[in-house]
N, C-alpha and C. Protein backbone atom coordinates (compact mmCIF):
# COMPACT_ATOMS: atom_id res chain seq x y z
N UNK A 1 -37.44 -45.59 -34.05
CA UNK A 1 -36.89 -45.15 -32.85
C UNK A 1 -35.19 -45.00 -33.60
N UNK A 2 -35.14 -45.50 -35.02
CA UNK A 2 -33.85 -45.45 -35.32
C UNK A 2 -34.13 -43.84 -35.89
N UNK A 3 -34.65 -43.29 -36.29
CA UNK A 3 -34.34 -42.39 -36.95
C UNK A 3 -33.85 -41.23 -35.66
N UNK A 4 -34.20 -41.54 -34.47
CA UNK A 4 -34.03 -39.99 -33.29
C UNK A 4 -32.63 -40.48 -32.98
N UNK A 5 -31.85 -41.68 -33.31
CA UNK A 5 -30.65 -41.66 -32.91
C UNK A 5 -29.84 -40.62 -33.73
N UNK A 6 -29.71 -40.41 -34.44
CA UNK A 6 -28.56 -39.56 -35.11
C UNK A 6 -28.75 -38.12 -34.44
N UNK A 7 -30.26 -37.67 -34.01
CA UNK A 7 -30.27 -36.33 -33.66
C UNK A 7 -30.35 -36.06 -31.92
N UNK A 8 -30.21 -37.51 -31.32
CA UNK A 8 -29.88 -37.45 -29.98
C UNK A 8 -28.43 -37.43 -29.86
N UNK A 9 -27.89 -38.06 -30.62
CA UNK A 9 -26.25 -38.02 -30.73
C UNK A 9 -25.62 -36.67 -31.21
N UNK A 10 -26.40 -35.96 -31.66
CA UNK A 10 -26.14 -34.59 -32.39
C UNK A 10 -26.50 -33.71 -30.93
N UNK A 11 -27.27 -34.21 -29.91
CA UNK A 11 -27.67 -33.36 -29.03
C UNK A 11 -26.23 -33.59 -27.97
N UNK A 12 -25.94 -34.80 -27.64
CA UNK A 12 -25.10 -35.14 -26.73
C UNK A 12 -23.40 -34.64 -27.52
N UNK A 13 -23.21 -34.78 -28.70
CA UNK A 13 -21.99 -34.13 -29.30
C UNK A 13 -21.89 -32.61 -28.78
N UNK A 14 -23.15 -31.97 -29.15
CA UNK A 14 -23.36 -30.57 -28.52
C UNK A 14 -23.03 -30.04 -27.52
N UNK A 15 -23.64 -30.90 -26.42
CA UNK A 15 -23.25 -30.97 -24.90
C UNK A 15 -21.59 -30.92 -24.70
N UNK A 16 -21.40 -31.89 -25.21
CA UNK A 16 -19.90 -32.51 -24.96
C UNK A 16 -19.06 -31.63 -25.63
N UNK A 17 -19.06 -30.94 -26.62
CA UNK A 17 -18.50 -29.79 -26.90
C UNK A 17 -18.54 -28.55 -26.44
N UNK A 18 -19.70 -28.33 -26.07
CA UNK A 18 -19.73 -27.08 -25.15
C UNK A 18 -19.24 -27.22 -23.93
N UNK A 19 -19.32 -28.27 -23.28
CA UNK A 19 -18.82 -28.67 -21.61
C UNK A 19 -17.26 -28.14 -22.19
N UNK A 20 -16.27 -28.73 -23.13
CA UNK A 20 -14.91 -28.45 -23.44
C UNK A 20 -14.94 -27.15 -23.53
N UNK A 21 -15.50 -26.58 -24.69
CA UNK A 21 -15.29 -25.20 -24.75
C UNK A 21 -15.45 -24.30 -23.11
N UNK A 22 -16.49 -24.62 -22.47
CA UNK A 22 -16.56 -23.81 -21.20
C UNK A 22 -15.25 -24.72 -20.25
N UNK A 23 -14.62 -25.53 -20.32
CA UNK A 23 -13.40 -25.57 -19.35
C UNK A 23 -12.59 -25.16 -20.11
N UNK A 24 -12.17 -25.27 -21.44
CA UNK A 24 -11.14 -24.22 -21.28
C UNK A 24 -11.06 -22.85 -21.42
N UNK A 25 -11.89 -22.13 -21.63
CA UNK A 25 -12.65 -20.76 -21.05
C UNK A 25 -12.34 -20.64 -19.72
N UNK A 26 -12.64 -21.36 -18.93
CA UNK A 26 -12.57 -21.29 -17.57
C UNK A 26 -10.68 -21.46 -17.51
N UNK A 27 -10.42 -22.78 -17.67
CA UNK A 27 -8.88 -22.62 -17.52
C UNK A 27 -7.89 -21.47 -18.24
N UNK A 28 -8.50 -20.85 -19.26
CA UNK A 28 -7.82 -19.85 -19.43
C UNK A 28 -7.83 -18.22 -18.86
N UNK A 29 -8.98 -18.51 -18.42
CA UNK A 29 -9.18 -17.28 -17.42
C UNK A 29 -8.44 -17.45 -15.55
N UNK A 30 -8.57 -18.36 -15.19
CA UNK A 30 -8.14 -18.49 -13.95
C UNK A 30 -6.22 -18.64 -14.41
N UNK A 31 -5.43 -19.07 -15.34
CA UNK A 31 -4.36 -19.31 -15.86
C UNK A 31 -3.43 -17.88 -16.09
N UNK A 32 -4.21 -16.90 -15.95
CA UNK A 32 -3.64 -15.97 -16.25
C UNK A 32 -2.70 -15.11 -14.99
N UNK A 33 -1.51 -14.74 -15.90
CA UNK A 33 -0.79 -13.91 -14.94
C UNK A 33 -0.77 -12.41 -14.25
N UNK A 34 -0.82 -12.75 -12.73
CA UNK A 34 -1.56 -11.21 -12.30
C UNK A 34 -0.18 -10.26 -12.21
N UNK A 35 -0.96 -8.90 -12.65
CA UNK A 35 -0.02 -8.15 -12.85
C UNK A 35 -0.14 -7.22 -11.32
N UNK A 36 0.87 -6.69 -10.64
CA UNK A 36 0.40 -5.69 -9.57
C UNK A 36 1.78 -4.68 -9.76
N UNK A 37 1.05 -3.47 -9.85
CA UNK A 37 2.29 -2.47 -9.76
C UNK A 37 3.00 -2.34 -8.25
N UNK A 38 3.75 -1.80 -7.93
CA UNK A 38 4.66 -1.88 -6.89
C UNK A 38 5.88 -0.37 -7.21
N UNK A 39 6.30 0.02 -5.80
CA UNK A 39 7.56 0.78 -6.28
C UNK A 39 8.97 0.45 -6.12
N UNK A 40 9.76 1.05 -6.52
CA UNK A 40 11.14 0.11 -6.56
C UNK A 40 11.79 0.88 -5.41
N UNK A 41 13.19 0.29 -5.29
CA UNK A 41 14.28 0.41 -4.32
C UNK A 41 14.31 2.20 -4.82
N UNK A 42 14.88 2.15 -6.07
CA UNK A 42 15.28 3.94 -6.51
C UNK A 42 14.06 4.80 -5.91
N UNK A 43 12.85 4.57 -6.12
CA UNK A 43 11.83 5.58 -5.59
C UNK A 43 11.55 5.49 -4.28
N UNK A 44 11.85 4.40 -3.63
CA UNK A 44 11.94 4.59 -2.10
C UNK A 44 13.17 5.63 -1.84
N UNK A 45 14.24 5.43 -2.34
CA UNK A 45 15.42 6.16 -1.91
C UNK A 45 15.27 7.92 -2.06
N UNK A 46 14.46 8.23 -3.42
CA UNK A 46 13.81 8.92 -3.53
C UNK A 46 12.78 9.75 -2.50
N UNK A 47 12.23 8.95 -1.99
CA UNK A 47 11.09 9.30 -0.95
C UNK A 47 11.92 9.64 0.40
N UNK A 48 12.63 8.83 0.46
CA UNK A 48 13.94 9.40 1.73
C UNK A 48 14.52 10.77 1.56
N UNK A 49 15.27 10.47 0.70
CA UNK A 49 16.02 11.57 0.49
C UNK A 49 15.25 13.25 0.57
N UNK A 50 13.74 12.98 -0.42
CA UNK A 50 12.78 13.92 -0.12
C UNK A 50 12.77 14.62 1.58
N UNK A 51 12.50 13.55 2.10
CA UNK A 51 11.94 13.55 3.00
C UNK A 51 13.04 14.33 4.23
N UNK A 52 14.33 13.96 3.94
CA UNK A 52 15.39 14.48 4.62
C UNK A 52 15.38 15.81 4.48
N UNK A 53 15.65 16.01 3.01
CA UNK A 53 15.88 17.52 2.29
C UNK A 53 15.02 18.47 2.89
N UNK A 54 13.74 18.19 2.74
CA UNK A 54 12.59 18.87 3.13
C UNK A 54 12.42 19.10 4.50
N UNK A 55 12.84 18.44 5.17
CA UNK A 55 11.94 17.84 6.74
C UNK A 55 12.88 17.96 8.01
N UNK A 56 14.30 17.86 7.88
CA UNK A 56 15.30 17.38 8.60
C UNK A 56 15.67 18.97 9.65
N UNK A 57 15.82 19.31 10.28
CA UNK A 57 16.37 20.20 10.92
C UNK A 57 17.61 20.39 10.31
N UNK A 58 17.82 21.68 10.27
CA UNK A 58 19.52 22.22 9.89
C UNK A 58 20.47 21.61 10.35
N UNK A 59 21.43 21.52 9.90
CA UNK A 59 22.52 20.84 10.21
C UNK A 59 23.19 19.80 9.77
N UNK A 60 24.39 19.36 10.51
CA UNK A 60 24.56 17.87 10.39
C UNK A 60 23.94 16.45 10.35
N UNK A 61 23.25 16.19 11.71
CA UNK A 61 22.56 15.13 11.90
C UNK A 61 21.22 15.50 11.48
N UNK A 62 20.89 13.99 10.69
CA UNK A 62 19.37 13.82 10.41
C UNK A 62 18.31 13.68 11.43
N UNK A 63 17.52 14.19 11.43
CA UNK A 63 16.67 14.30 12.64
C UNK A 63 15.36 13.63 12.45
N UNK A 64 14.89 12.76 11.68
CA UNK A 64 14.09 12.24 11.14
C UNK A 64 14.27 10.99 10.94
N UNK A 65 13.19 9.77 11.28
CA UNK A 65 13.05 8.80 10.68
C UNK A 65 12.06 8.48 9.72
N UNK A 66 12.68 7.29 8.76
CA UNK A 66 11.31 7.64 7.50
C UNK A 66 11.13 6.02 7.21
N UNK A 67 10.66 5.47 6.95
CA UNK A 67 10.07 4.15 6.14
C UNK A 67 9.35 4.27 5.51
N UNK A 68 9.73 3.40 4.40
CA UNK A 68 8.89 3.07 2.97
C UNK A 68 8.45 1.56 2.77
N UNK A 69 7.21 1.79 2.99
CA UNK A 69 6.70 0.05 2.50
C UNK A 69 5.97 -0.31 1.42
N UNK A 70 6.09 -1.39 0.51
CA UNK A 70 5.42 -1.52 -0.52
C UNK A 70 4.38 -2.18 -0.41
N UNK A 71 3.39 -2.36 -1.80
CA UNK A 71 2.10 -2.37 -1.77
C UNK A 71 1.41 -3.46 -1.00
N UNK A 72 2.58 -4.47 -0.55
CA UNK A 72 2.47 -5.29 0.42
C UNK A 72 2.70 -5.11 1.82
N UNK A 73 2.66 -3.96 2.19
CA UNK A 73 3.41 -3.36 3.32
C UNK A 73 4.62 -3.91 3.83
N UNK A 74 5.54 -4.37 2.81
CA UNK A 74 6.63 -5.01 3.71
C UNK A 74 7.84 -3.50 3.43
N UNK A 75 8.73 -3.62 4.12
CA UNK A 75 9.96 -2.31 4.46
C UNK A 75 10.46 -2.44 3.18
N UNK A 76 10.45 -1.32 2.20
CA UNK A 76 11.31 -1.43 1.06
C UNK A 76 12.76 -0.86 1.36
N UNK A 77 12.86 0.41 2.17
CA UNK A 77 13.50 1.51 2.81
C UNK A 77 13.28 1.77 4.04
N UNK A 78 14.15 1.70 5.42
CA UNK A 78 14.12 2.46 6.95
C UNK A 78 14.91 2.97 7.06
N UNK A 79 15.00 4.28 7.39
CA UNK A 79 16.51 5.36 7.94
C UNK A 79 15.92 5.15 9.28
N UNK A 80 17.12 5.08 10.10
CA UNK A 80 16.49 6.00 11.66
C UNK A 80 17.61 7.32 12.02
N UNK A 81 16.81 7.90 12.32
CA UNK A 81 17.27 9.39 12.57
C UNK A 81 18.49 9.30 13.84
N UNK A 82 19.64 10.41 13.66
CA UNK A 82 20.86 10.22 14.02
C UNK A 82 20.43 10.68 15.53
N UNK A 83 19.11 11.29 15.40
CA UNK A 83 18.69 11.99 16.82
C UNK A 83 17.38 10.96 17.16
N UNK A 84 17.53 10.03 17.09
CA UNK A 84 16.03 8.93 16.99
C UNK A 84 15.69 8.36 18.44
N UNK A 85 14.76 8.95 19.08
CA UNK A 85 14.53 7.65 20.18
C UNK A 85 14.30 6.30 19.81
N UNK A 86 14.30 5.53 20.62
CA UNK A 86 14.31 4.13 20.56
C UNK A 86 13.14 3.60 19.74
N UNK A 87 12.10 4.25 20.11
CA UNK A 87 10.81 3.53 19.44
C UNK A 87 10.04 3.88 18.22
N UNK A 88 11.30 4.93 17.39
CA UNK A 88 10.73 5.93 16.34
C UNK A 88 11.19 4.78 15.41
N UNK A 89 12.10 3.60 15.29
CA UNK A 89 12.06 2.63 14.27
C UNK A 89 10.65 1.73 14.01
N UNK A 90 9.92 1.18 15.23
CA UNK A 90 8.78 1.04 15.14
C UNK A 90 7.79 1.78 14.56
N UNK A 91 7.48 2.93 15.03
CA UNK A 91 6.62 4.18 14.85
C UNK A 91 6.89 4.53 13.22
N UNK A 92 7.73 4.65 12.50
CA UNK A 92 7.74 5.05 11.21
C UNK A 92 7.18 3.97 10.12
N UNK A 93 8.01 2.45 10.64
CA UNK A 93 7.07 1.46 9.83
C UNK A 93 5.34 1.30 10.10
N UNK A 94 5.11 1.39 11.44
CA UNK A 94 3.42 1.47 11.45
C UNK A 94 2.78 2.49 10.73
N UNK A 95 3.88 3.39 10.51
CA UNK A 95 2.77 4.73 10.37
C UNK A 95 2.66 4.95 9.05
N UNK A 96 3.73 3.92 7.92
CA UNK A 96 3.72 3.38 6.82
C UNK A 96 2.66 2.97 6.38
N UNK A 97 2.59 1.83 7.38
CA UNK A 97 2.06 0.52 6.95
C UNK A 97 0.24 0.61 7.10
N UNK A 98 0.25 1.68 8.03
CA UNK A 98 -1.51 2.46 8.08
C UNK A 98 -1.60 3.15 6.92
N UNK A 99 -1.15 3.92 6.37
CA UNK A 99 -1.17 4.75 5.26
C UNK A 99 -1.54 3.85 4.31
N UNK A 100 -0.66 2.95 3.71
CA UNK A 100 -0.55 1.92 2.79
C UNK A 100 -2.28 1.02 3.11
N UNK A 101 -2.36 0.47 4.20
CA UNK A 101 -3.65 -0.40 4.42
C UNK A 101 -4.81 0.30 4.16
N UNK A 102 -4.47 1.56 5.10
CA UNK A 102 -6.24 2.14 4.84
C UNK A 102 -6.13 3.44 3.52
N UNK A 103 -5.25 3.58 2.71
CA UNK A 103 -5.17 4.40 1.69
C UNK A 103 -5.44 5.92 2.04
N UNK A 104 -4.81 5.97 2.96
CA UNK A 104 -5.39 7.44 3.50
C UNK A 104 -4.25 7.84 4.53
N UNK A 105 -3.97 9.20 4.84
CA UNK A 105 -2.83 9.82 6.06
C UNK A 105 -3.51 8.70 7.09
N UNK A 106 -2.26 8.32 8.06
CA UNK A 106 -2.46 7.73 9.21
C UNK A 106 -3.40 8.98 10.17
N UNK A 107 -2.85 10.35 9.63
CA UNK A 107 -3.55 11.05 10.49
C UNK A 107 -5.19 10.97 10.18
N UNK A 108 -5.64 10.88 9.32
CA UNK A 108 -7.03 10.77 8.78
C UNK A 108 -7.92 9.62 9.22
N UNK A 109 -7.14 8.80 9.12
CA UNK A 109 -7.45 7.45 9.52
C UNK A 109 -7.21 7.53 11.29
N UNK A 110 -6.57 7.90 11.92
CA UNK A 110 -6.57 8.18 13.52
C UNK A 110 -8.11 9.03 13.86
N UNK A 111 -8.41 9.87 12.92
CA UNK A 111 -9.43 10.92 13.37
C UNK A 111 -10.72 9.87 12.87
N UNK A 112 -10.69 9.16 11.67
CA UNK A 112 -11.83 8.46 11.40
C UNK A 112 -12.26 7.31 12.21
N UNK A 113 -11.06 6.71 12.88
CA UNK A 113 -11.40 5.71 14.16
C UNK A 113 -11.59 5.70 15.66
N UNK A 114 -11.80 7.09 15.60
CA UNK A 114 -11.35 7.75 17.01
C UNK A 114 -13.05 7.37 18.05
N UNK A 115 -12.73 7.00 19.11
CA UNK A 115 -13.91 6.96 20.06
C UNK A 115 -14.87 5.76 19.68
N UNK A 116 -15.97 6.03 19.24
CA UNK A 116 -16.91 4.99 19.52
C UNK A 116 -17.14 5.13 17.90
N UNK A 117 -16.53 5.64 17.01
CA UNK A 117 -16.70 5.43 15.99
C UNK A 117 -16.91 3.60 15.38
N UNK A 118 -17.47 3.41 13.93
CA UNK A 118 -17.60 2.12 13.18
C UNK A 118 -16.44 1.88 13.15
N UNK A 119 -15.46 2.58 12.53
CA UNK A 119 -13.68 1.84 12.66
C UNK A 119 -12.93 1.73 13.74
N UNK A 120 -13.32 2.19 14.70
CA UNK A 120 -12.55 2.25 16.60
C UNK A 120 -12.17 0.48 16.34
N UNK A 121 -12.71 -0.27 16.07
CA UNK A 121 -12.01 -1.69 16.44
C UNK A 121 -10.76 -1.77 15.01
N UNK A 122 -10.86 -1.22 14.07
CA UNK A 122 -9.62 -1.33 13.15
C UNK A 122 -8.15 -1.33 14.03
N UNK A 123 -8.27 -0.36 15.15
CA UNK A 123 -7.00 -0.10 16.15
C UNK A 123 -6.07 -1.43 16.72
N UNK A 124 -7.22 -2.29 16.56
CA UNK A 124 -6.73 -3.52 17.21
C UNK A 124 -5.79 -4.31 16.35
N UNK A 125 -5.71 -4.12 14.84
CA UNK A 125 -4.93 -4.75 14.41
C UNK A 125 -3.67 -4.68 14.53
N UNK A 126 -2.86 -5.98 13.72
CA UNK A 126 -1.25 -5.57 14.07
C UNK A 126 -0.68 -4.27 13.26
N UNK A 127 0.07 -3.83 13.46
CA UNK A 127 0.95 -3.14 12.78
C UNK A 127 0.39 -1.97 12.48
N UNK A 128 -0.90 -1.16 12.88
CA UNK A 128 -1.31 -0.18 12.35
C UNK A 128 -1.31 0.47 13.69
N UNK A 129 -0.99 1.85 13.51
CA UNK A 129 -1.01 2.97 14.81
C UNK A 129 -2.04 4.29 14.50
N UNK A 130 -2.49 4.71 15.55
CA UNK A 130 -3.61 5.94 15.22
C UNK A 130 -2.51 7.26 15.55
N UNK A 131 -1.67 7.34 14.70
CA UNK A 131 -0.83 8.77 14.96
C UNK A 131 -0.28 9.37 13.30
N UNK A 132 -0.32 10.46 13.36
CA UNK A 132 0.19 11.17 12.36
C UNK A 132 1.44 10.78 11.73
N UNK A 133 1.74 10.83 9.93
CA UNK A 133 3.09 10.73 10.10
C UNK A 133 3.14 10.03 8.89
N UNK A 134 2.07 9.27 8.79
CA UNK A 134 1.92 8.17 7.38
C UNK A 134 1.23 8.81 6.34
N UNK A 135 1.66 8.52 5.22
CA UNK A 135 1.07 8.94 3.73
C UNK A 135 1.10 7.91 2.88
N UNK A 136 0.29 7.66 1.95
CA UNK A 136 -0.20 6.31 1.18
C UNK A 136 0.62 6.57 -0.24
N UNK A 137 1.22 5.95 -0.93
CA UNK A 137 1.37 6.25 -2.33
C UNK A 137 0.90 5.80 -2.90
N UNK A 138 -0.19 6.25 -4.19
CA UNK A 138 -1.00 5.97 -4.84
C UNK A 138 -0.63 6.13 -6.16
N UNK A 139 -1.11 5.08 -7.09
CA UNK A 139 -1.04 5.00 -8.75
C UNK A 139 -2.42 5.36 -8.92
N UNK A 140 -3.34 6.20 -9.26
CA UNK A 140 -4.07 6.41 -9.27
C UNK A 140 -5.25 6.08 -8.18
N UNK A 141 -6.15 5.13 -8.15
CA UNK A 141 -6.93 4.83 -6.82
C UNK A 141 -6.17 3.38 -6.71
N UNK A 142 -4.81 2.82 -7.13
CA UNK A 142 -4.37 1.84 -6.40
C UNK A 142 -3.25 2.53 -5.35
N UNK A 143 -3.14 1.75 -4.10
CA UNK A 143 -1.97 1.58 -3.43
C UNK A 143 -0.82 0.91 -3.65
N UNK A 144 0.17 1.33 -4.21
CA UNK A 144 1.48 1.04 -4.19
C UNK A 144 2.73 1.00 -3.10
N UNK A 145 2.13 1.56 -1.88
CA UNK A 145 2.96 1.96 -0.54
C UNK A 145 2.65 2.55 0.21
N UNK A 146 3.32 3.24 1.12
CA UNK A 146 3.43 4.22 1.91
C UNK A 146 4.86 4.66 2.26
N UNK A 147 4.27 6.02 2.97
CA UNK A 147 5.59 6.37 3.89
C UNK A 147 5.31 6.59 5.32
N UNK A 148 6.60 6.44 6.16
CA UNK A 148 6.02 7.50 7.42
C UNK A 148 6.87 7.73 8.06
N UNK A 149 6.69 8.64 8.95
CA UNK A 149 7.75 9.78 9.18
C UNK A 149 7.70 9.89 10.37
N UNK A 150 8.49 9.94 11.36
CA UNK A 150 8.88 10.41 12.76
C UNK A 150 9.84 11.57 13.09
N UNK A 151 9.62 12.28 13.84
CA UNK A 151 10.51 13.41 14.45
C UNK A 151 10.30 14.84 13.59
N UNK A 152 9.67 14.82 12.69
CA UNK A 152 9.37 16.26 12.71
C UNK A 152 9.04 17.47 13.05
N UNK A 153 9.94 18.73 13.42
CA UNK A 153 9.47 19.84 14.31
C UNK A 153 8.15 20.18 13.86
N UNK A 154 6.99 20.12 15.17
CA UNK A 154 5.78 20.51 15.03
C UNK A 154 4.68 19.17 15.00
N UNK A 155 5.36 18.00 15.55
CA UNK A 155 4.56 17.07 15.84
C UNK A 155 3.61 16.08 14.84
N UNK A 156 2.88 15.39 14.88
CA UNK A 156 2.08 14.48 13.88
C UNK A 156 1.54 15.59 12.79
N UNK A 157 1.10 16.91 12.81
CA UNK A 157 0.98 17.51 11.48
C UNK A 157 2.09 17.64 10.55
N UNK A 158 3.24 17.92 11.65
CA UNK A 158 4.39 17.88 10.58
C UNK A 158 4.97 16.90 10.11
N UNK A 159 4.83 15.63 10.81
CA UNK A 159 5.21 14.41 10.05
C UNK A 159 4.33 13.69 9.13
N UNK A 160 2.83 14.50 9.03
CA UNK A 160 2.42 13.87 7.90
C UNK A 160 2.67 14.56 6.68
N UNK A 161 2.61 16.26 7.01
CA UNK A 161 3.23 16.97 5.79
C UNK A 161 4.43 16.12 5.28
N UNK A 162 5.59 15.89 5.75
CA UNK A 162 6.60 15.43 5.49
C UNK A 162 6.60 14.34 5.11
N UNK A 163 5.15 12.95 5.33
CA UNK A 163 5.11 12.24 4.72
C UNK A 163 4.59 12.15 3.27
N UNK A 164 3.89 13.41 3.31
CA UNK A 164 2.70 14.04 1.70
C UNK A 164 3.70 14.29 1.20
N UNK A 165 4.82 14.68 1.15
CA UNK A 165 5.84 15.09 0.65
C UNK A 165 6.71 14.17 -0.30
N UNK A 166 7.21 13.57 0.76
CA UNK A 166 7.70 12.26 0.26
C UNK A 166 7.07 11.76 -0.76
N UNK A 167 5.69 11.18 -0.54
CA UNK A 167 4.99 10.65 -1.58
C UNK A 167 4.52 11.37 -2.81
N UNK A 168 4.90 12.61 -3.07
CA UNK A 168 4.91 13.26 -3.88
C UNK A 168 5.83 13.42 -4.63
N UNK A 169 6.94 13.12 -4.22
CA UNK A 169 8.58 13.08 -4.70
C UNK A 169 8.50 11.78 -6.06
N UNK A 170 7.32 10.96 -6.36
CA UNK A 170 7.75 10.23 -7.28
C UNK A 170 6.16 10.18 -7.98
N UNK A 171 5.26 10.80 -7.44
CA UNK A 171 4.12 11.12 -8.19
C UNK A 171 3.97 11.12 -9.46
N UNK A 172 4.79 12.01 -10.24
CA UNK A 172 4.89 11.67 -11.87
C UNK A 172 5.63 10.17 -12.37
N UNK A 173 6.15 9.78 -11.54
CA UNK A 173 6.47 8.31 -11.64
C UNK A 173 5.63 7.36 -11.90
N UNK A 174 4.13 7.60 -11.27
CA UNK A 174 2.96 6.66 -11.16
C UNK A 174 2.14 7.13 -11.83
N UNK A 175 2.10 7.59 -12.91
CA UNK A 175 1.06 7.78 -13.69
C UNK A 175 1.01 6.93 -14.90
C-alpha cells in the first residue's frame, strides 16, 4: 500500500495542476477586451454633406432630412431639412436604424417582410419602419452604422439612392 501513495499523489497533483491551467486559460479568454468598429462623427458629417450635395433640390434651402446611426443604432448625427414635414425627423432615424439592424437597405427589408412572409413579424419591433430611404454602412460583412434619408425628389427609391450614396462616401475609409 505504501508503494501506491507516491503514484496516487502524482495523479492528484497532475489533476490539480491541470485544473489550475484550465482555470487560467478560461480566465484569460473571458478577460479579453472587446473591440468593435464604429463610425466617427467626422464620417457622419461626410455622409450628411454628401447626401445634401448630391440629392437636395437646387437652391438655398436644404430639402432633405438625414440621419446617421452608429453600430449600436444610436444617432451620431441628424439634420432636418429647411422644408421638412414634422414626421421626417422620426422617419430618417427609423430608416437608418432599420438598415443598420438588418444589414440591407430599408427598401429591401420592406419587400422581404411584406404580406405573409416569415419576416413580417419583424415589422412590429420598435424603431424599424418598412419604407425605403435607409442604407447600411458596412465594413466588409460587419455593420458599423446606417443612413436614413427623407425628402428626395422621387420618393422612397430616390431616398434609398441618396442613402446609398451617403454610405458610399466613406466606403474607402472602411477597408
